[in-house]
N, C-alpha and C. Protein backbone atom coordinates (compact mmCIF):
# COMPACT_ATOMS: atom_id res chain seq x y z
N MET A 1 0.85 -1.18 0.00
CA MET A 1 0.00 0.00 0.00
C MET A 1 0.89 1.24 0.00
N SER A 2 0.52 2.18 -0.82
CA SER A 2 1.34 3.38 -0.99
C SER A 2 0.72 4.57 -0.28
N GLU A 3 1.59 5.48 0.10
CA GLU A 3 1.16 6.77 0.64
C GLU A 3 0.68 7.64 -0.52
N LEU A 4 -0.25 8.54 -0.23
CA LEU A 4 -0.68 9.48 -1.25
C LEU A 4 0.42 10.51 -1.50
N LEU A 5 0.56 10.89 -2.75
CA LEU A 5 1.48 11.95 -3.12
C LEU A 5 0.87 13.29 -2.74
N PRO A 6 1.65 14.33 -2.55
CA PRO A 6 1.09 15.65 -2.20
C PRO A 6 0.00 16.11 -3.17
N ILE A 7 0.18 15.92 -4.47
CA ILE A 7 -0.84 16.35 -5.43
C ILE A 7 -2.12 15.53 -5.27
N GLU A 8 -1.99 14.24 -4.93
CA GLU A 8 -3.15 13.38 -4.76
C GLU A 8 -3.97 13.77 -3.53
N LYS A 9 -3.30 14.31 -2.53
CA LYS A 9 -4.00 14.73 -1.31
C LYS A 9 -4.93 15.92 -1.54
N LYS A 10 -4.83 16.55 -2.70
CA LYS A 10 -5.69 17.68 -3.04
C LYS A 10 -7.05 17.23 -3.60
N ALA A 11 -7.22 15.95 -3.85
CA ALA A 11 -8.47 15.43 -4.40
C ALA A 11 -9.62 15.67 -3.42
N THR A 12 -10.75 16.09 -3.95
CA THR A 12 -11.96 16.31 -3.14
C THR A 12 -12.87 15.08 -3.24
N ILE A 13 -13.87 15.05 -2.40
CA ILE A 13 -14.86 13.96 -2.49
C ILE A 13 -15.54 14.01 -3.85
N LYS A 14 -15.84 15.19 -4.36
CA LYS A 14 -16.43 15.30 -5.70
C LYS A 14 -15.51 14.66 -6.74
N ASP A 15 -14.22 14.92 -6.65
CA ASP A 15 -13.26 14.30 -7.58
C ASP A 15 -13.33 12.78 -7.47
N ILE A 16 -13.39 12.28 -6.25
CA ILE A 16 -13.40 10.83 -6.01
C ILE A 16 -14.67 10.20 -6.59
N ILE A 17 -15.84 10.76 -6.31
CA ILE A 17 -17.08 10.14 -6.80
C ILE A 17 -17.27 10.35 -8.30
N SER A 18 -16.50 11.25 -8.88
CA SER A 18 -16.54 11.48 -10.33
C SER A 18 -15.48 10.69 -11.08
N ALA A 19 -14.72 9.87 -10.36
CA ALA A 19 -13.60 9.10 -10.94
C ALA A 19 -12.58 10.03 -11.57
N LYS A 20 -12.34 11.16 -10.89
CA LYS A 20 -11.37 12.14 -11.36
C LYS A 20 -10.40 12.53 -10.25
N SER A 21 -10.11 11.62 -9.33
CA SER A 21 -9.27 11.96 -8.19
C SER A 21 -7.82 12.21 -8.57
N GLY A 22 -7.37 11.57 -9.65
CA GLY A 22 -5.95 11.65 -9.99
C GLY A 22 -5.10 10.71 -9.15
N VAL A 23 -5.75 9.87 -8.34
CA VAL A 23 -5.04 8.87 -7.54
C VAL A 23 -5.11 7.57 -8.32
N TYR A 24 -3.96 7.07 -8.70
CA TYR A 24 -3.92 5.88 -9.53
C TYR A 24 -3.31 4.69 -8.79
N LEU A 25 -3.87 4.43 -7.62
CA LEU A 25 -3.47 3.27 -6.82
C LEU A 25 -4.38 2.10 -7.17
N ASN A 26 -3.89 0.90 -6.91
CA ASN A 26 -4.71 -0.29 -7.13
C ASN A 26 -5.87 -0.31 -6.16
N GLY A 27 -7.04 -0.67 -6.68
CA GLY A 27 -8.18 -0.94 -5.83
C GLY A 27 -8.05 -2.34 -5.26
N SER A 28 -8.84 -2.64 -4.26
CA SER A 28 -8.79 -3.97 -3.63
C SER A 28 -9.43 -5.04 -4.52
N ASN A 29 -10.03 -4.61 -5.62
CA ASN A 29 -10.66 -5.52 -6.58
C ASN A 29 -10.25 -5.11 -7.98
N GLY A 30 -10.29 -6.05 -8.90
CA GLY A 30 -9.92 -5.77 -10.28
C GLY A 30 -11.10 -5.26 -11.08
N GLY A 31 -10.89 -5.14 -12.39
CA GLY A 31 -11.97 -4.80 -13.30
C GLY A 31 -12.08 -3.33 -13.65
N ASP A 32 -11.08 -2.53 -13.34
CA ASP A 32 -11.15 -1.11 -13.68
C ASP A 32 -10.21 -0.81 -14.84
N PHE A 33 -10.00 0.46 -15.15
CA PHE A 33 -9.17 0.87 -16.29
C PHE A 33 -7.82 1.42 -15.84
N ARG A 34 -7.37 1.04 -14.66
CA ARG A 34 -6.12 1.60 -14.14
C ARG A 34 -4.94 1.36 -15.07
N ARG A 35 -5.01 0.34 -15.87
CA ARG A 35 -3.90 0.08 -16.81
C ARG A 35 -3.74 1.22 -17.82
N TYR A 36 -4.76 2.06 -17.97
CA TYR A 36 -4.70 3.21 -18.87
C TYR A 36 -4.36 4.51 -18.13
N ALA A 37 -4.07 4.40 -16.87
CA ALA A 37 -3.82 5.59 -16.05
C ALA A 37 -2.52 6.29 -16.45
N PRO A 38 -2.54 7.61 -16.38
CA PRO A 38 -1.28 8.33 -16.55
C PRO A 38 -0.36 8.05 -15.36
N GLU A 39 0.86 8.49 -15.45
CA GLU A 39 1.80 8.31 -14.35
C GLU A 39 1.28 9.02 -13.09
N ARG A 40 1.46 8.39 -11.95
CA ARG A 40 1.04 9.00 -10.68
C ARG A 40 1.67 10.37 -10.52
N GLY A 41 0.85 11.32 -10.08
CA GLY A 41 1.34 12.67 -9.82
C GLY A 41 1.41 13.55 -11.05
N SER A 42 0.98 13.02 -12.21
CA SER A 42 1.13 13.79 -13.45
C SER A 42 -0.10 14.63 -13.81
N VAL A 43 -1.23 14.39 -13.14
CA VAL A 43 -2.43 15.18 -13.44
C VAL A 43 -3.01 15.75 -12.15
N ASN A 44 -3.62 16.90 -12.27
CA ASN A 44 -4.28 17.51 -11.11
C ASN A 44 -5.61 16.82 -10.86
N PRO A 45 -5.97 16.62 -9.60
CA PRO A 45 -7.29 16.07 -9.30
C PRO A 45 -8.38 16.90 -9.97
N GLY A 46 -9.41 16.20 -10.46
CA GLY A 46 -10.55 16.87 -11.08
C GLY A 46 -10.39 17.12 -12.57
N THR A 47 -9.23 16.76 -13.15
CA THR A 47 -8.99 17.09 -14.55
C THR A 47 -8.98 15.90 -15.51
N HIS A 48 -8.87 14.69 -14.99
CA HIS A 48 -8.74 13.51 -15.86
C HIS A 48 -9.64 12.39 -15.34
N TRP A 49 -10.58 11.95 -16.17
CA TRP A 49 -11.47 10.86 -15.78
C TRP A 49 -10.81 9.52 -16.04
N LEU A 50 -10.94 8.62 -15.09
CA LEU A 50 -10.48 7.24 -15.26
C LEU A 50 -11.36 6.33 -14.41
N TYR A 51 -11.93 5.31 -15.03
CA TYR A 51 -12.73 4.34 -14.28
C TYR A 51 -11.80 3.61 -13.33
N SER A 52 -11.90 3.96 -12.05
CA SER A 52 -10.93 3.49 -11.06
C SER A 52 -11.64 2.92 -9.84
N ASN A 53 -11.38 1.65 -9.57
CA ASN A 53 -11.99 1.05 -8.39
C ASN A 53 -11.48 1.68 -7.10
N TRP A 54 -10.25 2.19 -7.11
CA TRP A 54 -9.75 2.85 -5.91
C TRP A 54 -10.67 4.01 -5.56
N ASP A 55 -11.03 4.83 -6.55
CA ASP A 55 -11.93 5.96 -6.29
C ASP A 55 -13.27 5.48 -5.71
N PHE A 56 -13.87 4.50 -6.37
CA PHE A 56 -15.20 4.05 -5.93
C PHE A 56 -15.15 3.41 -4.55
N ASN A 57 -14.09 2.65 -4.29
CA ASN A 57 -13.97 2.00 -2.99
C ASN A 57 -13.75 3.04 -1.89
N VAL A 58 -12.93 4.04 -2.17
CA VAL A 58 -12.71 5.11 -1.18
C VAL A 58 -14.00 5.89 -0.94
N ALA A 59 -14.78 6.10 -1.99
CA ALA A 59 -16.06 6.82 -1.83
C ALA A 59 -16.98 6.07 -0.86
N GLY A 60 -17.07 4.75 -1.01
CA GLY A 60 -17.89 3.96 -0.09
C GLY A 60 -17.36 4.01 1.33
N TYR A 61 -16.05 3.94 1.45
CA TYR A 61 -15.42 4.00 2.77
C TYR A 61 -15.69 5.35 3.44
N ILE A 62 -15.52 6.43 2.70
CA ILE A 62 -15.79 7.77 3.24
C ILE A 62 -17.25 7.88 3.67
N PHE A 63 -18.16 7.40 2.81
CA PHE A 63 -19.58 7.45 3.14
C PHE A 63 -19.85 6.79 4.49
N GLU A 64 -19.34 5.58 4.66
CA GLU A 64 -19.61 4.86 5.91
C GLU A 64 -18.93 5.51 7.10
N GLN A 65 -17.74 6.05 6.92
CA GLN A 65 -17.04 6.71 8.03
C GLN A 65 -17.77 7.98 8.46
N GLU A 66 -18.24 8.75 7.50
CA GLU A 66 -18.88 10.04 7.80
C GLU A 66 -20.31 9.90 8.32
N THR A 67 -21.01 8.87 7.90
CA THR A 67 -22.41 8.72 8.30
C THR A 67 -22.60 7.73 9.45
N ASN A 68 -21.57 6.92 9.72
CA ASN A 68 -21.70 5.82 10.68
C ASN A 68 -22.85 4.89 10.32
N ARG A 69 -23.09 4.77 9.01
CA ARG A 69 -24.15 3.89 8.51
C ARG A 69 -23.60 2.98 7.43
N SER A 70 -24.17 1.83 7.30
CA SER A 70 -23.82 0.92 6.22
C SER A 70 -24.37 1.47 4.91
N ILE A 71 -23.57 1.42 3.87
CA ILE A 71 -24.04 1.89 2.57
C ILE A 71 -25.24 1.06 2.11
N TYR A 72 -25.26 -0.22 2.48
CA TYR A 72 -26.37 -1.08 2.08
C TYR A 72 -27.66 -0.75 2.84
N ASP A 73 -27.55 -0.36 4.10
CA ASP A 73 -28.73 0.11 4.84
C ASP A 73 -29.30 1.36 4.18
N GLU A 74 -28.43 2.25 3.73
CA GLU A 74 -28.88 3.49 3.10
C GLU A 74 -29.50 3.24 1.73
N ILE A 75 -28.93 2.33 0.96
CA ILE A 75 -29.54 1.98 -0.33
C ILE A 75 -30.94 1.43 -0.09
N GLU A 76 -31.05 0.60 0.93
CA GLU A 76 -32.37 0.03 1.23
C GLU A 76 -33.37 1.10 1.63
N SER A 77 -32.98 1.98 2.57
CA SER A 77 -33.95 2.97 3.08
C SER A 77 -34.20 4.11 2.10
N GLN A 78 -33.18 4.51 1.33
CA GLN A 78 -33.36 5.66 0.45
C GLN A 78 -33.83 5.30 -0.96
N LEU A 79 -33.58 4.05 -1.38
CA LEU A 79 -33.98 3.66 -2.74
C LEU A 79 -34.87 2.42 -2.78
N ALA A 80 -34.41 1.31 -2.21
CA ALA A 80 -35.13 0.05 -2.39
C ALA A 80 -36.56 0.11 -1.84
N ILE A 81 -36.73 0.65 -0.65
CA ILE A 81 -38.07 0.71 -0.06
C ILE A 81 -38.94 1.74 -0.78
N PRO A 82 -38.47 2.99 -0.94
CA PRO A 82 -39.33 3.97 -1.62
C PRO A 82 -39.69 3.59 -3.06
N LEU A 83 -38.76 2.94 -3.78
CA LEU A 83 -39.03 2.55 -5.17
C LEU A 83 -39.74 1.21 -5.27
N GLN A 84 -40.02 0.61 -4.14
CA GLN A 84 -40.70 -0.68 -4.08
C GLN A 84 -39.98 -1.72 -4.96
N MET A 85 -38.67 -1.76 -4.79
CA MET A 85 -37.89 -2.73 -5.55
C MET A 85 -38.37 -4.13 -5.23
N GLN A 86 -38.55 -4.92 -6.26
CA GLN A 86 -39.11 -6.25 -6.09
C GLN A 86 -38.07 -7.31 -5.76
N ASP A 87 -36.83 -7.06 -6.13
CA ASP A 87 -35.83 -8.11 -6.00
C ASP A 87 -34.66 -7.75 -5.08
N TRP A 88 -34.64 -6.55 -4.56
CA TRP A 88 -33.54 -6.14 -3.67
C TRP A 88 -33.48 -7.08 -2.47
N ASP A 89 -32.30 -7.53 -2.16
CA ASP A 89 -32.09 -8.39 -1.00
C ASP A 89 -30.79 -7.94 -0.33
N LYS A 90 -30.94 -7.23 0.77
CA LYS A 90 -29.76 -6.69 1.45
C LYS A 90 -28.80 -7.79 1.87
N SER A 91 -29.29 -8.98 2.14
CA SER A 91 -28.41 -10.06 2.58
C SER A 91 -27.44 -10.52 1.48
N LEU A 92 -27.72 -10.17 0.23
CA LEU A 92 -26.82 -10.53 -0.87
C LEU A 92 -25.67 -9.54 -1.05
N GLN A 93 -25.77 -8.38 -0.44
CA GLN A 93 -24.78 -7.32 -0.62
C GLN A 93 -23.58 -7.56 0.30
N ARG A 94 -22.38 -7.50 -0.27
CA ARG A 94 -21.18 -7.79 0.51
C ARG A 94 -20.02 -6.90 0.08
N LYS A 95 -19.29 -6.41 1.06
CA LYS A 95 -18.00 -5.76 0.79
C LYS A 95 -17.00 -6.88 0.53
N SER A 96 -16.07 -6.61 -0.36
CA SER A 96 -15.05 -7.62 -0.61
C SER A 96 -13.81 -6.95 -1.19
N GLY A 97 -12.77 -7.74 -1.32
CA GLY A 97 -11.54 -7.24 -1.92
C GLY A 97 -10.32 -7.82 -1.25
N ASN A 98 -9.19 -7.55 -1.84
CA ASN A 98 -7.92 -8.00 -1.31
C ASN A 98 -7.33 -6.89 -0.44
N TYR A 99 -7.40 -7.08 0.86
CA TYR A 99 -6.95 -6.05 1.80
C TYR A 99 -5.43 -5.93 1.87
N GLU A 100 -4.72 -6.84 1.23
CA GLU A 100 -3.26 -6.69 1.13
C GLU A 100 -2.91 -5.68 0.04
N ILE A 101 -3.81 -5.46 -0.89
CA ILE A 101 -3.60 -4.48 -1.96
C ILE A 101 -4.08 -3.10 -1.52
N SER A 102 -5.25 -3.06 -0.88
CA SER A 102 -5.83 -1.78 -0.44
C SER A 102 -6.70 -2.01 0.78
N LYS A 103 -6.67 -1.07 1.70
CA LYS A 103 -7.51 -1.20 2.89
C LYS A 103 -8.96 -0.83 2.62
N PHE A 104 -9.25 -0.34 1.41
CA PHE A 104 -10.60 0.09 1.07
C PHE A 104 -11.32 -1.02 0.30
N PRO A 105 -12.37 -1.59 0.87
CA PRO A 105 -13.07 -2.68 0.20
C PRO A 105 -13.91 -2.20 -0.97
N ALA A 106 -14.27 -3.15 -1.80
CA ALA A 106 -15.24 -2.88 -2.87
C ALA A 106 -16.64 -3.02 -2.27
N TYR A 107 -17.52 -2.12 -2.64
CA TYR A 107 -18.90 -2.14 -2.14
C TYR A 107 -19.81 -2.63 -3.26
N HIS A 108 -19.71 -3.91 -3.56
CA HIS A 108 -20.51 -4.47 -4.65
C HIS A 108 -21.98 -4.42 -4.29
N MET A 109 -22.79 -4.15 -5.32
CA MET A 109 -24.25 -4.09 -5.14
C MET A 109 -24.88 -4.91 -6.24
N TRP A 110 -25.84 -5.70 -5.85
CA TRP A 110 -26.52 -6.56 -6.79
C TRP A 110 -27.98 -6.14 -6.92
N PHE A 111 -28.36 -5.72 -8.13
CA PHE A 111 -29.73 -5.31 -8.44
C PHE A 111 -30.21 -6.14 -9.63
N SER A 112 -31.49 -6.47 -9.64
CA SER A 112 -32.06 -7.12 -10.81
C SER A 112 -32.24 -6.07 -11.91
N THR A 113 -32.47 -6.55 -13.12
CA THR A 113 -32.71 -5.64 -14.24
C THR A 113 -33.94 -4.78 -13.98
N ARG A 114 -34.99 -5.36 -13.45
CA ARG A 114 -36.20 -4.54 -13.25
C ARG A 114 -36.01 -3.53 -12.13
N ASP A 115 -35.22 -3.85 -11.10
CA ASP A 115 -34.95 -2.85 -10.07
C ASP A 115 -34.02 -1.75 -10.59
N MET A 116 -33.08 -2.11 -11.47
CA MET A 116 -32.26 -1.08 -12.12
C MET A 116 -33.13 -0.18 -12.99
N ALA A 117 -34.14 -0.76 -13.63
CA ALA A 117 -35.06 0.03 -14.45
C ALA A 117 -35.81 1.04 -13.58
N ARG A 118 -36.12 0.66 -12.35
CA ARG A 118 -36.77 1.61 -11.44
C ARG A 118 -35.86 2.80 -11.15
N ILE A 119 -34.57 2.53 -10.97
CA ILE A 119 -33.62 3.63 -10.75
C ILE A 119 -33.57 4.51 -12.00
N GLY A 120 -33.58 3.89 -13.17
CA GLY A 120 -33.62 4.66 -14.42
C GLY A 120 -34.84 5.53 -14.51
N LEU A 121 -36.00 5.00 -14.16
CA LEU A 121 -37.24 5.79 -14.17
C LEU A 121 -37.16 6.94 -13.16
N LEU A 122 -36.59 6.67 -12.01
CA LEU A 122 -36.40 7.73 -11.01
C LEU A 122 -35.60 8.88 -11.61
N MET A 123 -34.55 8.56 -12.35
CA MET A 123 -33.72 9.59 -12.99
C MET A 123 -34.53 10.34 -14.05
N LEU A 124 -35.25 9.60 -14.89
CA LEU A 124 -36.06 10.23 -15.94
C LEU A 124 -37.14 11.14 -15.35
N ARG A 125 -37.61 10.78 -14.18
CA ARG A 125 -38.65 11.58 -13.51
C ARG A 125 -38.06 12.65 -12.59
N LYS A 126 -36.78 12.92 -12.77
CA LYS A 126 -36.07 13.97 -12.03
C LYS A 126 -36.16 13.79 -10.52
N GLY A 127 -36.02 12.52 -10.09
CA GLY A 127 -35.96 12.22 -8.67
C GLY A 127 -37.30 11.97 -8.01
N LYS A 128 -38.39 12.04 -8.77
CA LYS A 128 -39.73 11.81 -8.20
C LYS A 128 -40.18 10.38 -8.43
N TRP A 129 -40.88 9.87 -7.41
CA TRP A 129 -41.49 8.54 -7.50
C TRP A 129 -42.85 8.62 -6.86
N ASN A 130 -43.89 8.30 -7.62
CA ASN A 130 -45.26 8.41 -7.12
C ASN A 130 -45.51 9.78 -6.49
N ASP A 131 -45.16 10.84 -7.21
CA ASP A 131 -45.34 12.23 -6.79
C ASP A 131 -44.58 12.60 -5.52
N LYS A 132 -43.63 11.80 -5.12
CA LYS A 132 -42.80 12.12 -3.97
C LYS A 132 -41.35 12.31 -4.44
N GLN A 133 -40.71 13.40 -3.99
CA GLN A 133 -39.33 13.64 -4.36
C GLN A 133 -38.44 12.74 -3.52
N ILE A 134 -37.88 11.71 -4.14
CA ILE A 134 -37.04 10.73 -3.44
C ILE A 134 -35.61 11.25 -3.32
N ILE A 135 -35.10 11.79 -4.41
CA ILE A 135 -33.77 12.42 -4.42
C ILE A 135 -33.93 13.81 -5.02
N PRO A 136 -33.05 14.74 -4.73
CA PRO A 136 -33.19 16.08 -5.28
C PRO A 136 -33.16 16.06 -6.82
N GLU A 137 -33.93 16.92 -7.42
CA GLU A 137 -34.01 17.01 -8.88
C GLU A 137 -32.63 17.26 -9.48
N THR A 138 -31.81 18.03 -8.79
CA THR A 138 -30.49 18.34 -9.33
C THR A 138 -29.55 17.16 -9.22
């Protein structure tokens, strides 16, 4: 595990959730585009997009640290219940990853196609579901 470089420490939460942190460390799980990353320290945070599991994993970690809540509990209360998801099963959701590579786990989420379609409809309806604003329009 590597220390963050001074330039990487300038990354904001917005940079992290936008996959623009400029931190090109290995995530605890594979499947990202880190192999296409520029050299570490070569770009300013917020200026270069890269699909990076490190960013997404850190975002989940920050969320849980700041809220003292499980991300899966929040998905259930803020989305699954209000959208009446038919297939959501919180017991299937698991953090995972190789903690020897990174201390930040992957926050995998499993949704059925029809429950994903509900999230899509929520977006198309600008955050409203059954005339109730579930998430802010913006």
